Amino acid sequence: MFTLEIDGKAVAVINGTEEVARDLFTCDGFKEDIQAMTSEGRPLWNGTSELKVRPATEDEVEIFEDALAEDDSDADFESDPRHATTEDDEDEADIVFLLDIDEDEGEEDDGALHS
């Protein structure tokens, strides 16, 4: 598993290879998403800071696994724009945000993103 780190802050964990992590975390669509998403009222990424991909720590892996287990057990799961599935992708990967993402009105946030 690999973690996206921005300005020294762990932002998200992905359960893919390093290549998959780098490809996803640096693609234009993901960059647009993390500029639009906020935590405590601030964008996750300012558009200029380095997007660092590194191996996930044990704590980050545990948070990732707990979030997916909670998501899998949620019988009332509803579609969320942050839960994107790319059917063309051979490398299916899940992303869990490590920061509390500000919710849009009427949305429930569980922190997990599937791609």
C-alpha atoms as a PDB file:
ATOM      1  CA  MET A   1       0.000   0.000   0.000  1.00  0.00           C
ATOM      2  CA  PHE A   2       1.118   3.531  -0.723  1.00  0.00           C
ATOM      3  CA  THR A   3       0.323   6.911   0.779  1.00  0.00           C
ATOM      4  CA  LEU A   4      -0.077  10.285  -0.884  1.00  0.00           C
ATOM      5  CA  GLU A   5       1.610  12.943   1.210  1.00  0.00           C
ATOM      6  CA  ILE A   6       1.242  16.689   0.642  1.00  0.00           C
ATOM      7  CA  ASP A   7       3.298  19.226   2.583  1.00  0.00           C
ATOM      8  CA  GLY A   8       4.272  16.552   5.118  1.00  0.00           C
ATOM      9  CA  LYS A   9       0.664  15.519   5.726  1.00  0.00           C
ATOM     10  CA  ALA A  10      -0.601  12.033   4.854  1.00  0.00           C
ATOM     11  CA  VAL A  11      -3.697  12.570   2.703  1.00  0.00           C
ATOM     12  CA  ALA A  12      -4.733   9.228   1.190  1.00  0.00           C
ATOM     13  CA  VAL A  13      -3.803   5.535   1.039  1.00  0.00           C
ATOM     14  CA  ILE A  14      -4.190   3.243  -1.979  1.00  0.00           C
ATOM     15  CA  ASN A  15      -3.986  -0.540  -2.055  1.00  0.00           C
ATOM     16  CA  GLY A  16      -2.230  -0.794  -5.395  1.00  0.00           C
ATOM     17  CA  THR A  17       1.319  -1.104  -6.601  1.00  0.00           C
ATOM     18  CA  GLU A  18       3.626   1.891  -6.517  1.00  0.00           C
ATOM     19  CA  GLU A  19       3.082   2.342 -10.258  1.00  0.00           C
ATOM     20  CA  VAL A  20      -0.716   2.334  -9.838  1.00  0.00           C
ATOM     21  CA  ALA A  21      -0.435   4.751  -6.902  1.00  0.00           C
ATOM     22  CA  ARG A  22       1.773   7.182  -8.837  1.00  0.00           C
ATOM     23  CA  ASP A  23      -0.437   6.983 -11.921  1.00  0.00           C
ATOM     24  CA  LEU A  24      -3.623   7.645  -9.978  1.00  0.00           C
ATOM     25  CA  PHE A  25      -2.320  10.221  -7.509  1.00  0.00           C
ATOM     26  CA  THR A  26      -0.741  12.282 -10.308  1.00  0.00           C
ATOM     27  CA  CYS A  27      -3.459  12.045 -12.976  1.00  0.00           C
ATOM     28  CA  ASP A  28      -5.215  15.283 -13.915  1.00  0.00           C
ATOM     29  CA  GLY A  29      -8.656  14.120 -12.728  1.00  0.00           C
ATOM     30  CA  PHE A  30      -7.398  13.198  -9.253  1.00  0.00           C
ATOM     31  CA  LYS A  31      -5.491  16.478  -8.988  1.00  0.00           C
ATOM     32  CA  GLU A  32      -8.690  18.366  -9.825  1.00  0.00           C
ATOM     33  CA  ASP A  33     -10.567  16.369  -7.188  1.00  0.00           C
ATOM     34  CA  ILE A  34      -8.068  17.039  -4.405  1.00  0.00           C
ATOM     35  CA  GLN A  35      -8.036  20.743  -5.257  1.00  0.00           C
ATOM     36  CA  ALA A  36     -11.844  20.822  -5.000  1.00  0.00           C
ATOM     37  CA  MET A  37     -12.107  18.644  -1.879  1.00  0.00           C
ATOM     38  CA  THR A  38     -11.609  20.375   1.447  1.00  0.00           C
ATOM     39  CA  SER A  39     -10.667  19.393   4.984  1.00  0.00           C
ATOM     40  CA  GLU A  40     -11.420  21.914   7.713  1.00  0.00           C
ATOM     41  CA  GLY A  41     -12.355  24.372   4.971  1.00  0.00           C
ATOM     42  CA  ARG A  42      -8.998  24.158   3.172  1.00  0.00           C
ATOM     43  CA  PRO A  43      -8.326  22.411  -0.157  1.00  0.00           C
ATOM     44  CA  LEU A  44      -6.441  19.122   0.193  1.00  0.00           C
ATOM     45  CA  TRP A  45      -3.965  20.367  -2.414  1.00  0.00           C
ATOM     46  CA  ASN A  46      -3.067  23.926  -3.395  1.00  0.00           C
ATOM     47  CA  GLY A  47      -2.111  22.964  -6.946  1.00  0.00           C
ATOM     48  CA  THR A  48       1.601  23.612  -6.499  1.00  0.00           C
ATOM     49  CA  SER A  49       2.877  21.543  -3.567  1.00  0.00           C
ATOM     50  CA  GLU A  50       4.723  18.306  -4.356  1.00  0.00           C
ATOM     51  CA  LEU A  51       2.550  15.188  -4.442  1.00  0.00           C
ATOM     52  CA  LYS A  52       4.767  12.650  -2.668  1.00  0.00           C
ATOM     53  CA  VAL A  53       3.992   8.915  -2.985  1.00  0.00           C
ATOM     54  CA  ARG A  54       5.576   6.722  -0.320  1.00  0.00           C
ATOM     55  CA  PRO A  55       4.997   3.317   1.279  1.00  0.00           C
ATOM     56  CA  ALA A  56       2.146   3.413   3.787  1.00  0.00           C
ATOM     57  CA  THR A  57       2.950   3.120   7.488  1.00  0.00           C
ATOM     58  CA  GLU A  58       1.422   0.371   9.655  1.00  0.00           C
ATOM     59  CA  ASP A  59      -0.996   2.916  11.166  1.00  0.00           C
ATOM     60  CA  GLU A  60      -2.094   4.094   7.722  1.00  0.00           C
ATOM     61  CA  VAL A  61      -2.637   0.494   6.568  1.00  0.00           C
ATOM     62  CA  GLU A  62      -4.775  -0.142   9.673  1.00  0.00           C
ATOM     63  CA  ILE A  63      -6.892   2.973   8.996  1.00  0.00           C
ATOM     64  CA  PHE A  64      -7.297   1.836   5.373  1.00  0.00           C
ATOM     65  CA  GLU A  65      -8.386  -1.675   6.350  1.00  0.00           C
ATOM     66  CA  ASP A  66     -10.790  -0.383   9.025  1.00  0.00           C
ATOM     67  CA  ALA A  67     -12.393   2.041   6.554  1.00  0.00           C
ATOM     68  CA  LEU A  68     -12.910  -0.678   3.931  1.00  0.00           C
ATOM     69  CA  ALA A  69     -14.297  -3.101   6.505  1.00  0.00           C
ATOM     70  CA  GLU A  70     -16.736  -0.423   7.680  1.00  0.00           C
ATOM     71  CA  ASP A  71     -17.681   0.378   4.077  1.00  0.00           C
ATOM     72  CA  ASP A  72     -18.248  -3.323   3.259  1.00  0.00           C
ATOM     73  CA  SER A  73     -20.504  -3.759   6.284  1.00  0.00           C
ATOM     74  CA  ASP A  74     -22.609  -0.682   5.465  1.00  0.00           C
ATOM     75  CA  ALA A  75     -25.831  -2.204   4.092  1.00  0.00           C
ATOM     76  CA  ASP A  76     -27.284   1.229   3.305  1.00  0.00           C
ATOM     77  CA  PHE A  77     -24.355   2.285   1.100  1.00  0.00           C
ATOM     78  CA  GLU A  78     -25.404   4.914  -1.413  1.00  0.00           C
ATOM     79  CA  SER A  79     -23.537   6.136  -4.449  1.00  0.00           C
ATOM     80  CA  ASP A  80     -21.138   8.956  -3.634  1.00  0.00           C
ATOM     81  CA  PRO A  81     -19.179  11.024  -6.180  1.00  0.00           C
ATOM     82  CA  ARG A  82     -16.028  10.258  -4.212  1.00  0.00           C
ATOM     83  CA  HIS A  83     -16.659   6.525  -4.836  1.00  0.00           C
ATOM     84  CA  ALA A  84     -15.633   6.229  -8.450  1.00  0.00           C
ATOM     85  CA  THR A  85     -15.239   2.936 -10.271  1.00  0.00           C
ATOM     86  CA  THR A  86     -13.294   2.719 -13.481  1.00  0.00           C
ATOM     87  CA  GLU A  87     -14.462  -0.369 -15.302  1.00  0.00           C
ATOM     88  CA  ASP A  88     -11.693  -0.149 -17.913  1.00  0.00           C
ATOM     89  CA  ASP A  89      -9.078  -0.468 -15.167  1.00  0.00           C
ATOM     90  CA  GLU A  90      -7.403  -3.851 -14.937  1.00  0.00           C
ATOM     91  CA  ASP A  91      -5.763  -2.725 -11.699  1.00  0.00           C
ATOM     92  CA  GLU A  92      -8.683  -2.207  -9.352  1.00  0.00           C
ATOM     93  CA  ALA A  93      -7.588  -0.143  -6.366  1.00  0.00           C
ATOM     94  CA  ASP A  94      -9.285   1.404  -3.372  1.00  0.00           C
ATOM     95  CA  ILE A  95      -8.387   4.790  -1.924  1.00  0.00           C
ATOM     96  CA  VAL A  96      -9.049   5.892   1.628  1.00  0.00           C
ATOM     97  CA  PHE A  97      -8.584   9.515   2.622  1.00  0.00           C
ATOM     98  CA  LEU A  98      -6.777   9.918   5.938  1.00  0.00           C
ATOM     99  CA  LEU A  99      -8.081  13.429   6.578  1.00  0.00           C
ATOM    100  CA  ASP A 100     -11.645  14.291   7.490  1.00  0.00           C
ATOM    101  CA  ILE A 101     -13.143  15.458   4.216  1.00  0.00           C
ATOM    102  CA  ASP A 102     -15.663  18.287   4.511  1.00  0.00           C
ATOM    103  CA  GLU A 103     -19.093  17.061   3.494  1.00  0.00           C
ATOM    104  CA  ASP A 104     -21.244  18.689   0.878  1.00  0.00           C
ATOM    105  CA  GLU A 105     -24.705  19.417   2.183  1.00  0.00           C
ATOM    106  CA  GLY A 106     -26.745  16.215   2.348  1.00  0.00           C
ATOM    107  CA  GLU A 107     -23.767  13.887   1.836  1.00  0.00           C
ATOM    108  CA  GLU A 108     -22.450  11.344   4.271  1.00  0.00           C
ATOM    109  CA  ASP A 109     -18.648  10.970   4.327  1.00  0.00           C
ATOM    110  CA  ASP A 110     -16.969   7.709   5.206  1.00  0.00           C
ATOM    111  CA  GLY A 111     -13.552   8.693   3.860  1.00  0.00           C
ATOM    112  CA  ALA A 112     -13.288   5.822   1.371  1.00  0.00           C
ATOM    113  CA  LEU A 113     -12.946   6.197  -2.380  1.00  0.00           C
ATOM    114  CA  HIS A 114     -13.032   3.257  -4.738  1.00  0.00           C
ATOM    115  CA  SER A 115     -11.565   3.377  -8.188  1.00  0.00           C
END
